[in-house]
PDB file of N, CA and C in Angstrom:
ATOM      1  N   MET A   1       0.843  -0.780   0.030  1.00  0.00           N
ATOM      2  CA  MET A   1       0.296   0.014   0.402  1.00  0.00           C
ATOM      3  C   MET A   1       0.976   1.588  -0.254  1.00  0.00           C
ATOM      4  N   ARG A   2       0.777   2.307  -1.318  1.00  0.00           N
ATOM      5  CA  ARG A   2       1.272   3.368  -1.086  1.00  0.00           C
ATOM      6  C   ARG A   2       0.918   3.933   0.550  1.00  0.00           C
ATOM      7  N   LYS A   3       1.985   5.025   0.583  1.00  0.00           N
ATOM      8  CA  LYS A   3       2.009   5.376   1.645  1.00  0.00           C
ATOM      9  C   LYS A   3       0.902   7.428   1.395  1.00  0.00           C
ATOM     10  N   ARG A   4       0.549   7.985   1.567  1.00  0.00           N
ATOM     11  CA  ARG A   4      -0.033   9.231   1.640  1.00  0.00           C
ATOM     12  C   ARG A   4       1.255  10.048   2.275  1.00  0.00           C
ATOM     13  N   LYS A   5       1.585  10.837   0.793  1.00  0.00           N
ATOM     14  CA  LYS A   5       2.380  12.609   1.802  1.00  0.00           C
ATOM     15  C   LYS A   5       1.808  13.642   1.892  1.00  0.00           C
ATOM     16  N   ILE A   6       2.354  13.588   3.360  1.00  0.00           N
ATOM     17  CA  ILE A   6       2.103  14.864   3.576  1.00  0.00           C
ATOM     18  C   ILE A   6       2.674  15.988   4.382  1.00  0.00           C
ATOM     19  N   LEU A   7       2.299  17.346   3.690  1.00  0.00           N
ATOM     20  CA  LEU A   7       3.487  17.979   3.658  1.00  0.00           C
ATOM     21  C   LEU A   7       3.141  19.149   4.975  1.00  0.00           C
ATOM     22  N   PHE A   8       2.821  19.632   6.255  1.00  0.00           N
ATOM     23  CA  PHE A   8       2.799  20.431   6.961  1.00  0.00           C
ATOM     24  C   PHE A   8       3.486  21.643   6.037  1.00  0.00           C
ATOM     25  N   VAL A   9       3.236  22.819   6.290  1.00  0.00           N
ATOM     26  CA  VAL A   9       3.455  24.861   6.046  1.00  0.00           C
ATOM     27  C   VAL A   9       3.295  25.870   7.431  1.00  0.00           C
ATOM     28  N   CYS A  10       4.749  26.002   7.866  1.00  0.00           N
ATOM     29  CA  CYS A  10       3.795  27.316   8.961  1.00  0.00           C
ATOM     30  C   CYS A  10       5.529  28.652   7.855  1.00  0.00           C
ATOM     31  N   GLY A  11       5.366  29.455   9.080  1.00  0.00           N
ATOM     32  CA  GLY A  11       5.880  29.777   9.065  1.00  0.00           C
ATOM     33  C   GLY A  11       8.395  30.055   8.690  1.00  0.00           C
ATOM     34  N   GLN A  12       8.649  30.053  10.073  1.00  0.00           N
ATOM     35  CA  GLN A  12       9.677  29.633  10.253  1.00  0.00           C
ATOM     36  C   GLN A  12      10.310  28.185  10.418  1.00  0.00           C
ATOM     37  N   ASN A  13       9.315  27.028  10.750  1.00  0.00           N
ATOM     38  CA  ASN A  13       8.915  25.493  10.933  1.00  0.00           C
ATOM     39  C   ASN A  13      10.104  25.160  12.358  1.00  0.00           C
ATOM     40  N   VAL A  14      10.129  25.844  12.859  1.00  0.00           N
ATOM     41  CA  VAL A  14      10.168  25.853  14.739  1.00  0.00           C
ATOM     42  C   VAL A  14       8.825  25.470  15.737  1.00  0.00           C
ATOM     43  N   ASP A  15       7.710  25.378  15.874  1.00  0.00           N
ATOM     44  CA  ASP A  15       6.602  25.396  16.248  1.00  0.00           C
ATOM     45  C   ASP A  15       6.136  24.527  15.670  1.00  0.00           C
ATOM     46  N   ARG A  16       4.597  25.572  14.247  1.00  0.00           N
ATOM     47  CA  ARG A  16       3.417  24.190  14.095  1.00  0.00           C
ATOM     48  C   ARG A  16       4.537  23.939  13.458  1.00  0.00           C
ATOM     49  N   SER A  17       4.086  23.919  12.365  1.00  0.00           N
ATOM     50  CA  SER A  17       4.168  23.259  11.306  1.00  0.00           C
ATOM     51  C   SER A  17       4.958  21.257  12.168  1.00  0.00           C
ATOM     52  N   PRO A  18       6.445  21.351  12.682  1.00  0.00           N
ATOM     53  CA  PRO A  18       7.279  20.175  12.940  1.00  0.00           C
ATOM     54  C   PRO A  18       6.641  20.181  14.278  1.00  0.00           C
ATOM     55  N   THR A  19       6.193  20.679  15.336  1.00  0.00           N
ATOM     56  CA  THR A  19       4.560  19.978  16.069  1.00  0.00           C
ATOM     57  C   THR A  19       3.699  19.466  14.742  1.00  0.00           C
ATOM     58  N   ALA A  20       3.260  19.793  13.947  1.00  0.00           N
ATOM     59  CA  ALA A  20       2.183  18.587  13.359  1.00  0.00           C
ATOM     60  C   ALA A  20       3.065  17.594  12.849  1.00  0.00           C
ATOM     61  N   GLU A  21       3.761  17.618  11.776  1.00  0.00           N
ATOM     62  CA  GLU A  21       4.805  16.239  11.558  1.00  0.00           C
ATOM     63  C   GLU A  21       4.852  14.884  12.838  1.00  0.00           C
ATOM     64  N   ASP A  22       5.908  15.400  14.057  1.00  0.00           N
ATOM     65  CA  ASP A  22       5.672  14.698  14.751  1.00  0.00           C
ATOM     66  C   ASP A  22       4.024  13.784  14.854  1.00  0.00           C
ATOM     67  N   LEU A  23       3.097  14.273  15.501  1.00  0.00           N
ATOM     68  CA  LEU A  23       2.102  14.309  15.285  1.00  0.00           C
ATOM     69  C   LEU A  23       1.930  13.143  15.033  1.00  0.00           C
ATOM     70  N   PHE A  24       2.364  13.646  13.318  1.00  0.00           N
ATOM     71  CA  PHE A  24       1.352  12.613  12.390  1.00  0.00           C
ATOM     72  C   PHE A  24       2.747  11.428  12.125  1.00  0.00           C
ATOM     73  N   LYS A  25       3.781  11.630  12.105  1.00  0.00           N
ATOM     74  CA  LYS A  25       4.733  10.703  11.713  1.00  0.00           C
ATOM     75  C   LYS A  25       4.920   9.379  11.932  1.00  0.00           C
ATOM     76  N   LYS A  26       4.149   8.680  12.908  1.00  0.00           N
ATOM     77  CA  LYS A  26       3.837   7.288  13.090  1.00  0.00           C
ATOM     78  C   LYS A  26       2.728   6.554  12.469  1.00  0.00           C
ATOM     79  N   ALA A  27       1.874   7.806  11.318  1.00  0.00           N
ATOM     80  CA  ALA A  27       1.029   7.094  11.104  1.00  0.00           C
ATOM     81  C   ALA A  27       1.617   5.431  10.012  1.00  0.00           C
ATOM     82  N   GLU A  28       1.157   4.267   9.807  1.00  0.00           N
ATOM     83  CA  GLU A  28       1.683   3.972   9.432  1.00  0.00           C
ATOM     84  C   GLU A  28       1.397   4.247   7.818  1.00  0.00           C
ATOM     85  N   ASN A  29       0.181   4.690   7.740  1.00  0.00           N
ATOM     86  CA  ASN A  29      -0.508   5.365   6.495  1.00  0.00           C
ATOM     87  C   ASN A  29       0.060   5.831   5.480  1.00  0.00           C
ATOM     88  N   LEU A  30       1.266   7.083   6.150  1.00  0.00           N
ATOM     89  CA  LEU A  30       1.641   8.508   6.214  1.00  0.00           C
ATOM     90  C   LEU A  30       2.996   8.738   6.166  1.00  0.00           C
ATOM     91  N   GLU A  31       3.980   9.358   5.016  1.00  0.00           N
ATOM     92  CA  GLU A  31       4.491   9.829   4.627  1.00  0.00           C
ATOM     93  C   GLU A  31       4.485  11.086   5.058  1.00  0.00           C
ATOM     94  N   VAL A  32       5.383  12.054   6.355  1.00  0.00           N
ATOM     95  CA  VAL A  32       4.963  13.619   6.873  1.00  0.00           C
ATOM     96  C   VAL A  32       6.919  13.966   6.829  1.00  0.00           C
ATOM     97  N   LYS A  33       5.977  15.438   5.979  1.00  0.00           N
ATOM     98  CA  LYS A  33       7.575  15.933   6.566  1.00  0.00           C
ATOM     99  C   LYS A  33       7.182  17.569   6.839  1.00  0.00           C
ATOM    100  N   SER A  34       7.676  18.241   7.019  1.00  0.00           N
ATOM    101  CA  SER A  34       7.309  20.277   7.219  1.00  0.00           C
ATOM    102  C   SER A  34       7.793  20.870   7.142  1.00  0.00           C
ATOM    103  N   ALA A  35       7.578  22.194   7.209  1.00  0.00           N
ATOM    104  CA  ALA A  35       8.873  23.411   6.130  1.00  0.00           C
ATOM    105  C   ALA A  35       7.717  24.316   6.429  1.00  0.00           C
ATOM    106  N   GLY A  36       9.270  25.440   5.787  1.00  0.00           N
ATOM    107  CA  GLY A  36       8.248  27.030   6.982  1.00  0.00           C
ATOM    108  C   GLY A  36       8.314  27.278   5.526  1.00  0.00           C
ATOM    109  N   VAL A  37       7.479  28.623   5.359  1.00  0.00           N
ATOM    110  CA  VAL A  37       7.485  29.572   3.989  1.00  0.00           C
ATOM    111  C   VAL A  37       8.409  30.789   4.398  1.00  0.00           C
ATOM    112  N   SER A  38       9.374  30.847   5.818  1.00  0.00           N
ATOM    113  CA  SER A  38       9.652  32.787   5.817  1.00  0.00           C
ATOM    114  C   SER A  38      10.978  32.412   5.696  1.00  0.00           C
ATOM    115  N   TYR A  39      11.642  34.059   4.937  1.00  0.00           N
ATOM    116  CA  TYR A  39      13.356  34.269   5.160  1.00  0.00           C
ATOM    117  C   TYR A  39      13.716  33.345   6.591  1.00  0.00           C
ATOM    118  N   GLY A  40      15.179  32.440   7.056  1.00  0.00           N
ATOM    119  CA  GLY A  40      15.776  31.715   7.896  1.00  0.00           C
ATOM    120  C   GLY A  40      14.757  30.155   7.671  1.00  0.00           C
ATOM    121  N   ALA A  41      13.650  30.140   6.898  1.00  0.00           N
ATOM    122  CA  ALA A  41      13.118  28.967   7.633  1.00  0.00           C
ATOM    123  C   ALA A  41      13.920  27.574   8.520  1.00  0.00           C
ATOM    124  N   THR A  42      13.830  26.598   9.691  1.00  0.00           N
ATOM    125  CA  THR A  42      14.464  25.887   9.765  1.00  0.00           C
ATOM    126  C   THR A  42      14.107  25.062   8.105  1.00  0.00           C
ATOM    127  N   VAL A  43      13.601  24.466   7.943  1.00  0.00           N
ATOM    128  CA  VAL A  43      13.119  24.571   7.824  1.00  0.00           C
ATOM    129  C   VAL A  43      12.408  24.245   5.473  1.00  0.00           C
ATOM    130  N   PRO A  44      12.715  24.954   4.082  1.00  0.00           N
ATOM    131  CA  PRO A  44      12.552  25.582   3.977  1.00  0.00           C
ATOM    132  C   PRO A  44      12.084  25.305   2.792  1.00  0.00           C
ATOM    133  N   LEU A  45      10.514  25.851   2.869  1.00  0.00           N
ATOM    134  CA  LEU A  45       9.389  24.714   1.365  1.00  0.00           C
ATOM    135  C   LEU A  45      10.642  25.380   0.082  1.00  0.00           C
ATOM    136  N   THR A  46       9.834  24.187  -0.153  1.00  0.00           N
ATOM    137  CA  THR A  46      10.895  23.753  -1.180  1.00  0.00           C
ATOM    138  C   THR A  46       9.921  23.851  -2.969  1.00  0.00           C
ATOM    139  N   ARG A  47      10.093  23.295  -4.194  1.00  0.00           N
ATOM    140  CA  ARG A  47       9.529  23.341  -4.886  1.00  0.00           C
ATOM    141  C   ARG A  47       9.394  21.852  -4.956  1.00  0.00           C
ATOM    142  N   GLU A  48      10.060  21.645  -4.415  1.00  0.00           N
ATOM    143  CA  GLU A  48      10.568  19.598  -4.667  1.00  0.00           C
ATOM    144  C   GLU A  48       9.532  19.482  -3.614  1.00  0.00           C
ATOM    145  N   LEU A  49       9.609  19.636  -2.596  1.00  0.00           N
ATOM    146  CA  LEU A  49       8.635  19.223  -1.337  1.00  0.00           C
ATOM    147  C   LEU A  49       7.239  19.629  -2.164  1.00  0.00           C
ATOM    148  N   VAL A  50       6.547  20.555  -2.684  1.00  0.00           N
ATOM    149  CA  VAL A  50       5.540  21.058  -2.843  1.00  0.00           C
ATOM    150  C   VAL A  50       4.870  19.705  -4.537  1.00  0.00           C
ATOM    151  N   LYS A  51       5.472  19.403  -5.206  1.00  0.00           N
ATOM    152  CA  LYS A  51       6.035  18.711  -5.850  1.00  0.00           C
ATOM    153  C   LYS A  51       5.639  16.697  -4.931  1.00  0.00           C
ATOM    154  N   TRP A  52       6.335  16.451  -4.287  1.00  0.00           N
ATOM    155  CA  TRP A  52       6.434  15.250  -3.446  1.00  0.00           C
ATOM    156  C   TRP A  52       4.941  15.142  -2.479  1.00  0.00           C
ATOM    157  N   ALA A  53       4.234  16.110  -2.028  1.00  0.00           N
ATOM    158  CA  ALA A  53       3.848  16.007  -1.390  1.00  0.00           C
ATOM    159  C   ALA A  53       2.639  15.527  -2.388  1.00  0.00           C
ATOM    160  N   ASP A  54       1.274  14.577  -1.854  1.00  0.00           N
ATOM    161  CA  ASP A  54      -0.199  14.661  -2.001  1.00  0.00           C
ATOM    162  C   ASP A  54      -0.357  16.121  -1.929  1.00  0.00           C
ATOM    163  N   GLU A  55      -0.599  15.885  -0.548  1.00  0.00           N
ATOM    164  CA  GLU A  55      -1.456  17.170   0.555  1.00  0.00           C
ATOM    165  C   GLU A  55      -0.910  17.946   1.190  1.00  0.00           C
ATOM    166  N   ILE A  56      -0.772  19.241   1.174  1.00  0.00           N
ATOM    167  CA  ILE A  56      -0.127  20.325   1.499  1.00  0.00           C
ATOM    168  C   ILE A  56      -1.113  20.855   2.744  1.00  0.00           C
ATOM    169  N   TYR A  57      -0.956  20.991   4.345  1.00  0.00           N
ATOM    170  CA  TYR A  57      -1.655  21.060   5.980  1.00  0.00           C
ATOM    171  C   TYR A  57      -0.820  22.531   5.200  1.00  0.00           C
ATOM    172  N   VAL A  58      -0.719  23.325   5.709  1.00  0.00           N
ATOM    173  CA  VAL A  58      -0.746  25.378   6.075  1.00  0.00           C
ATOM    174  C   VAL A  58      -1.184  25.461   7.268  1.00  0.00           C
ATOM    175  N   MET A  59      -0.703  26.493   8.400  1.00  0.00           N
ATOM    176  CA  MET A  59      -1.452  26.565   9.741  1.00  0.00           C
ATOM    177  C   MET A  59      -1.993  28.420   9.431  1.00  0.00           C
ATOM    178  N   GLU A  60      -1.827  28.853   7.985  1.00  0.00           N
ATOM    179  CA  GLU A  60      -1.772  30.109   8.311  1.00  0.00           C
ATOM    180  C   GLU A  60      -2.727  30.266   6.335  1.00  0.00           C
ATOM    181  N   PHE A  61      -4.243  30.935   5.996  1.00  0.00           N
ATOM    182  CA  PHE A  61      -3.820  30.942   4.450  1.00  0.00           C
ATOM    183  C   PHE A  61      -2.850  31.867   3.361  1.00  0.00           C
ATOM    184  N   ASN A  62      -1.398  32.572   4.141  1.00  0.00           N
ATOM    185  CA  ASN A  62      -0.526  33.019   4.168  1.00  0.00           C
ATOM    186  C   ASN A  62       0.785  32.483   3.870  1.00  0.00           C
ATOM    187  N   HIS A  63       0.352  31.017   3.864  1.00  0.00           N
ATOM    188  CA  HIS A  63       1.277  30.193   3.760  1.00  0.00           C
ATOM    189  C   HIS A  63       1.258  29.141   3.082  1.00  0.00           C
ATOM    190  N   GLN A  64      -0.792  29.694   2.344  1.00  0.00           N
ATOM    191  CA  GLN A  64      -1.070  28.578   0.926  1.00  0.00           C
ATOM    192  C   GLN A  64      -0.755  30.300  -0.153  1.00  0.00           C
ATOM    193  N   GLN A  65      -0.938  31.462   0.236  1.00  0.00           N
ATOM    194  CA  GLN A  65      -0.363  31.991  -0.965  1.00  0.00           C
ATOM    195  C   GLN A  65       1.106  32.124  -2.094  1.00  0.00           C
ATOM    196  N   ALA A  66       1.709  31.226  -0.660  1.00  0.00           N
ATOM    197  CA  ALA A  66       3.110  31.725  -0.888  1.00  0.00           C
ATOM    198  C   ALA A  66       3.367  30.164  -1.632  1.00  0.00           C
ATOM    199  N   VAL A  67       2.550  28.832  -0.986  1.00  0.00           N
ATOM    200  CA  VAL A  67       2.953  27.380  -1.456  1.00  0.00           C
ATOM    201  C   VAL A  67       2.774  27.936  -2.847  1.00  0.00           C
ATOM    202  N   LEU A  68       1.828  28.274  -3.590  1.00  0.00           N
ATOM    203  CA  LEU A  68       0.455  28.983  -4.563  1.00  0.00           C
ATOM    204  C   LEU A  68       1.826  29.452  -5.739  1.00  0.00           C
ATOM    205  N   LYS A  69       2.043  30.321  -4.253  1.00  0.00           N
ATOM    206  CA  LYS A  69       3.544  31.179  -5.697  1.00  0.00           C
ATOM    207  C   LYS A  69       4.118  31.168  -5.939  1.00  0.00           C
ATOM    208  N   MET A  70       4.340  29.836  -5.832  1.00  0.00           N
ATOM    209  CA  MET A  70       5.611  28.879  -5.622  1.00  0.00           C
ATOM    210  C   MET A  70       5.168  27.447  -7.027  1.00  0.00           C
ATOM    211  N   VAL A  71       4.617  27.402  -6.665  1.00  0.00           N
ATOM    212  CA  VAL A  71       4.192  26.706  -7.442  1.00  0.00           C
ATOM    213  C   VAL A  71       2.376  26.271  -7.883  1.00  0.00           C
ATOM    214  N   PRO A  72       2.345  27.208  -8.597  1.00  0.00           N
ATOM    215  CA  PRO A  72       0.412  27.238  -9.074  1.00  0.00           C
ATOM    216  C   PRO A  72      -0.219  25.978  -8.972  1.00  0.00           C
ATOM    217  N   SER A  73       0.114  25.515  -9.924  1.00  0.00           N
ATOM    218  CA  SER A  73      -1.247  24.026  -9.702  1.00  0.00           C
ATOM    219  C   SER A  73      -0.873  23.260  -8.931  1.00  0.00           C
ATOM    220  N   ALA A  74      -0.069  23.433  -7.597  1.00  0.00           N
ATOM    221  CA  ALA A  74      -0.315  23.003  -5.931  1.00  0.00           C
ATOM    222  C   ALA A  74      -2.031  22.616  -5.314  1.00  0.00           C
ATOM    223  N   TRP A  75      -2.545  24.390  -5.905  1.00  0.00           N
ATOM    224  CA  TRP A  75      -3.436  24.853  -5.451  1.00  0.00           C
ATOM    225  C   TRP A  75      -4.744  23.448  -5.131  1.00  0.00           C
ATOM    226  N   LYS A  76      -4.480  21.848  -6.343  1.00  0.00           N
ATOM    227  CA  LYS A  76      -5.605  21.223  -6.202  1.00  0.00           C
ATOM    228  C   LYS A  76      -5.151  20.007  -4.884  1.00  0.00           C
ATOM    229  N   LYS A  77      -4.392  20.574  -3.259  1.00  0.00           N
ATOM    230  CA  LYS A  77      -3.854  20.005  -3.105  1.00  0.00           C
ATOM    231  C   LYS A  77      -3.364  20.515  -1.449  1.00  0.00           C
ATOM    232  N   VAL A  78      -3.957  22.004  -1.420  1.00  0.00           N
ATOM    233  CA  VAL A  78      -3.411  22.609  -0.391  1.00  0.00           C
ATOM    234  C   VAL A  78      -4.894  22.633   1.018  1.00  0.00           C
ATOM    235  N   GLU A  79      -4.145  22.588   1.680  1.00  0.00           N
ATOM    236  CA  GLU A  79      -6.229  22.896   3.079  1.00  0.00           C
ATOM    237  C   GLU A  79      -4.641  23.889   3.805  1.00  0.00           C
ATOM    238  N   SER A  80      -6.264  25.172   4.293  1.00  0.00           N
ATOM    239  CA  SER A  80      -5.191  26.108   5.551  1.00  0.00           C
ATOM    240  C   SER A  80      -5.885  25.789   6.552  1.00  0.00           C
ATOM    241  N   LEU A  81      -4.767  24.807   7.831  1.00  0.00           N
ATOM    242  CA  LEU A  81      -5.708  25.050   8.527  1.00  0.00           C
ATOM    243  C   LEU A  81      -6.386  25.866   9.800  1.00  0.00           C
ATOM    244  N   GLU A  82      -5.511  27.241   9.780  1.00  0.00           N
ATOM    245  CA  GLU A  82      -5.794  28.980  10.359  1.00  0.00           C
ATOM    246  C   GLU A  82      -5.428  28.192  11.504  1.00  0.00           C
ATOM    247  N   ILE A  83      -4.689  27.533  11.549  1.00  0.00           N
ATOM    248  CA  ILE A  83      -3.776  27.654  13.526  1.00  0.00           C
ATOM    249  C   ILE A  83      -2.750  29.731  13.339  1.00  0.00           C
ATOM    250  N   PRO A  84      -3.632  29.780  14.479  1.00  0.00           N
ATOM    251  CA  PRO A  84      -2.880  31.694  14.473  1.00  0.00           C
ATOM    252  C   PRO A  84      -1.148  31.112  15.371  1.00  0.00           C
ATOM    253  N   ASP A  85       0.055  31.582  15.401  1.00  0.00           N
ATOM    254  CA  ASP A  85       1.162  31.528  15.801  1.00  0.00           C
ATOM    255  C   ASP A  85       1.585  32.702  16.467  1.00  0.00           C
ATOM    256  N   ILE A  86       0.932  31.226  17.326  1.00  0.00           N
ATOM    257  CA  ILE A  86       0.414  31.947  19.143  1.00  0.00           C
ATOM    258  C   ILE A  86       0.745  30.528  19.973  1.00  0.00           C
ATOM    259  N   TYR A  87       1.526  29.426  19.782  1.00  0.00           N
ATOM    260  CA  TYR A  87       1.633  28.474  20.003  1.00  0.00           C
ATOM    261  C   TYR A  87       3.432  28.115  20.140  1.00  0.00           C
ATOM    262  N   TYR A  88       3.871  27.894  21.175  1.00  0.00           N
ATOM    263  CA  TYR A  88       5.443  27.017  21.435  1.00  0.00           C
ATOM    264  C   TYR A  88       5.091  26.139  20.858  1.00  0.00           C
ATOM    265  N   ARG A  89       6.152  25.226  20.709  1.00  0.00           N
ATOM    266  CA  ARG A  89       6.073  23.735  19.356  1.00  0.00           C
ATOM    267  C   ARG A  89       6.123  23.166  20.959  1.00  0.00           C
ATOM    268  N   ASP A  90       5.033  21.960  20.178  1.00  0.00           N
ATOM    269  CA  ASP A  90       4.328  21.063  21.402  1.00  0.00           C
ATOM    270  C   ASP A  90       3.353  20.449  21.834  1.00  0.00           C
ATOM    271  N   GLN A  91       3.480  22.161  22.158  1.00  0.00           N
ATOM    272  CA  GLN A  91       2.826  22.995  23.499  1.00  0.00           C
ATOM    273  C   GLN A  91       1.772  22.538  23.142  1.00  0.00           C
ATOM    274  N   PRO A  92       0.345  21.351  23.935  1.00  0.00           N
ATOM    275  CA  PRO A  92      -0.113  20.720  24.422  1.00  0.00           C
ATOM    276  C   PRO A  92      -1.126  21.412  23.284  1.00  0.00           C
ATOM    277  N   GLU A  93      -2.396  22.074  23.836  1.00  0.00           N
ATOM    278  CA  GLU A  93      -3.288  22.789  23.092  1.00  0.00           C
ATOM    279  C   GLU A  93      -3.236  22.924  21.804  1.00  0.00           C
ATOM    280  N   LEU A  94      -1.739  23.528  21.313  1.00  0.00           N
ATOM    281  CA  LEU A  94      -1.378  22.825  19.793  1.00  0.00           C
ATOM    282  C   LEU A  94      -2.108  21.605  19.448  1.00  0.00           C
ATOM    283  N   ARG A  95      -1.270  21.295  20.239  1.00  0.00           N
ATOM    284  CA  ARG A  95      -1.347  19.679  19.458  1.00  0.00           C
ATOM    285  C   ARG A  95      -3.133  19.092  19.467  1.00  0.00           C
ATOM    286  N   GLN A  96      -3.786  19.289  20.454  1.00  0.00           N
ATOM    287  CA  GLN A  96      -5.057  19.896  19.869  1.00  0.00           C
ATOM    288  C   GLN A  96      -5.715  19.897  19.111  1.00  0.00           C
ATOM    289  N   LEU A  97      -5.142  20.814  18.705  1.00  0.00           N
ATOM    290  CA  LEU A  97      -5.883  22.061  18.087  1.00  0.00           C
ATOM    291  C   LEU A  97      -5.567  21.578  16.653  1.00  0.00           C
ATOM    292  N   ILE A  98      -4.583  20.503  16.459  1.00  0.00           N
ATOM    293  CA  ILE A  98      -3.784  20.244  15.368  1.00  0.00           C
ATOM    294  C   ILE A  98      -4.696  18.966  15.324  1.00  0.00           C
ATOM    295  N   VAL A  99      -4.586  18.384  15.699  1.00  0.00           N
ATOM    296  CA  VAL A  99      -5.876  17.596  15.679  1.00  0.00           C
ATOM    297  C   VAL A  99      -6.861  16.783  15.399  1.00  0.00           C
ATOM    298  N   GLU A 100      -8.020  18.186  15.812  1.00  0.00           N
ATOM    299  CA  GLU A 100      -9.301  18.496  15.753  1.00  0.00           C
ATOM    300  C   GLU A 100      -9.035  19.019  13.753  1.00  0.00           C
ATOM    301  N   LYS A 101      -8.008  19.494  13.546  1.00  0.00           N
ATOM    302  CA  LYS A 101      -8.869  20.337  12.466  1.00  0.00           C
ATOM    303  C   LYS A 101      -7.786  19.596  12.030  1.00  0.00           C
ATOM    304  N   MET A 102      -7.221  17.810  11.826  1.00  0.00           N
ATOM    305  CA  MET A 102      -7.097  17.117  10.490  1.00  0.00           C
ATOM    306  C   MET A 102      -7.816  15.861  10.257  1.00  0.00           C
ATOM    307  N   LYS A 103      -8.882  16.317  11.883  1.00  0.00           N
ATOM    308  CA  LYS A 103      -9.396  15.319  11.165  1.00  0.00           C
ATOM    309  C   LYS A 103     -10.234  14.993  10.175  1.00  0.00           C
ATOM    310  N   PRO A 104     -11.300  15.708   9.958  1.00  0.00           N
ATOM    311  CA  PRO A 104     -11.728  15.855   8.532  1.00  0.00           C
ATOM    312  C   PRO A 104     -10.835  15.094   6.592  1.00  0.00           C
ATOM    313  N   TYR A 105      -9.028  14.852   7.357  1.00  0.00           N
ATOM    314  CA  TYR A 105      -8.488  14.824   6.035  1.00  0.00           C
ATOM    315  C   TYR A 105      -7.214  13.790   6.783  1.00  0.00           C
ATOM    316  N   ILE A 106      -7.743  13.413   7.541  1.00  0.00           N
ATOM    317  CA  ILE A 106      -6.992  12.029   7.839  1.00  0.00           C
ATOM    318  C   ILE A 106      -7.398  10.296   9.023  1.00  0.00           C
TER     319      ILE A 106
END
């Protein structure tokens, strides 16, 4: 069975998207990565990552715009979770919010 390739995207790739990656990377049917759209991101978003992903979940609408500016044809596979940049990595409230927002997709 082929694994679904999921990419989580936020700004700096420090708090939100790495937390999401950690939450789902052990799922048997998923291959998960994360990246950031801002200058100096821990793992910068690249065209290759966008093309690699079957599904892309961005934390905010402006991240979706950054993905689509890079690869306009990716519009079919990008969803915005609308999770604001007010949490720190692995914060219980952030983890719970990501799980809730991802329920329709996972």
